[in-house]
């Protein structure tokens, strides 16, 4: 899990890029959800992880999804902040 300092640095580092990307796409990013197949796979891997039954490949796959989810959460937060500041 990222430290607060790490999270703040990451947010600060990507904010200029988000200000370019987000204004036109903020609503789409805020409402984004992965498709049902992806959600089902992540839930399956999460359950196996909780039970300690992931293979090495599954662990790597799950780690990738967790990282992607964190990044999407950051994008959504940035989109909401930009949307609120432009209102």
Protein backbone atom coordinates (compact mmCIF):
# COMPACT_ATOMS: atom_id res chain seq x y z
CA UNK A 1 0.00 0.00 0.00
CA UNK A 2 1.29 3.44 -0.91
CA UNK A 3 2.28 5.85 1.82
CA UNK A 4 0.54 9.21 2.12
CA UNK A 5 3.69 10.97 0.91
CA UNK A 6 3.92 8.62 -2.05
CA UNK A 7 0.25 9.15 -2.93
CA UNK A 8 0.57 12.91 -2.68
CA UNK A 9 3.69 12.89 -4.85
CA UNK A 10 2.00 10.68 -7.43
CA UNK A 11 -1.08 12.92 -7.51
CA UNK A 12 1.08 16.01 -7.86
CA UNK A 13 3.14 14.38 -10.60
CA UNK A 14 0.17 13.38 -12.76
CA UNK A 15 -2.01 16.43 -12.17
CA UNK A 16 -0.61 18.46 -15.11
CA UNK A 17 -1.31 15.55 -17.46
CA UNK A 18 -4.78 15.07 -16.03
CA UNK A 19 -5.56 18.75 -16.61
CA UNK A 20 -4.89 18.12 -20.31
CA UNK A 21 -6.78 14.83 -20.55
CA UNK A 22 -9.68 15.23 -18.17
CA UNK A 23 -11.63 18.38 -18.99
CA UNK A 24 -13.33 16.83 -22.03
CA UNK A 25 -13.57 13.33 -20.53
CA UNK A 26 -14.25 13.95 -16.85
CA UNK A 27 -17.81 12.60 -16.88
CA UNK A 28 -16.78 9.44 -18.76
CA UNK A 29 -13.94 8.79 -16.33
CA UNK A 30 -16.10 9.43 -13.27
CA UNK A 31 -18.73 6.94 -14.47
CA UNK A 32 -16.26 4.32 -15.76
CA UNK A 33 -16.66 0.70 -14.63
CA UNK A 34 -14.93 -2.34 -16.00
CA UNK A 35 -17.05 -4.75 -18.01
CA UNK A 36 -18.81 -7.64 -16.26
CA UNK A 37 -16.26 -10.22 -17.45
CA UNK A 38 -13.40 -8.18 -15.97
CA UNK A 39 -15.23 -7.62 -12.70
CA UNK A 40 -16.00 -11.33 -12.43
CA UNK A 41 -12.35 -12.25 -13.03
CA UNK A 42 -11.11 -9.80 -10.41
CA UNK A 43 -13.61 -11.13 -7.87
CA UNK A 44 -12.51 -14.70 -8.65
CA UNK A 45 -8.86 -13.81 -8.13
CA UNK A 46 -9.66 -11.84 -4.96
CA UNK A 47 -11.41 -14.86 -3.47
CA UNK A 48 -8.53 -17.18 -4.38
CA UNK A 49 -6.09 -14.64 -2.91
CA UNK A 50 -8.04 -14.51 0.36
CA UNK A 51 -7.98 -18.29 0.50
CA UNK A 52 -4.26 -18.41 -0.34
CA UNK A 53 -4.87 -20.38 -3.53
CA UNK A 54 -3.42 -18.14 -6.24
CA UNK A 55 -0.87 -19.57 -8.63
CA UNK A 56 2.17 -17.44 -9.41
CA UNK A 57 0.64 -16.33 -12.72
CA UNK A 58 -2.69 -15.53 -11.06
CA UNK A 59 -0.92 -13.51 -8.38
CA UNK A 60 0.84 -11.46 -11.08
CA UNK A 61 -2.46 -10.98 -12.92
CA UNK A 62 -4.25 -9.94 -9.72
CA UNK A 63 -1.45 -7.53 -8.82
CA UNK A 64 -1.86 -5.92 -12.25
CA UNK A 65 -5.58 -5.49 -11.70
CA UNK A 66 -5.03 -4.01 -8.25
CA UNK A 67 -2.54 -1.49 -9.67
CA UNK A 68 -4.89 -0.61 -12.52
CA UNK A 69 -7.75 -0.16 -10.06
CA UNK A 70 -5.68 2.22 -7.94
CA UNK A 71 -4.79 4.25 -11.02
CA UNK A 72 -8.44 4.41 -12.13
CA UNK A 73 -9.41 5.54 -8.62
CA UNK A 74 -6.83 8.33 -8.86
CA UNK A 75 -8.14 9.33 -12.29
CA UNK A 76 -11.68 9.44 -10.94
CA UNK A 77 -10.63 11.55 -7.96
CA UNK A 78 -8.74 13.96 -10.21
CA UNK A 79 -11.70 14.14 -12.62
CA UNK A 80 -14.08 14.96 -9.76
CA UNK A 81 -11.74 17.64 -8.42
CA UNK A 82 -11.35 19.25 -11.85
CA UNK A 83 -15.07 19.00 -12.53
CA UNK A 84 -15.89 20.65 -9.19
CA UNK A 85 -13.34 23.42 -9.71
CA UNK A 86 -14.78 24.24 -13.15
CA UNK A 87 -18.39 24.41 -11.86
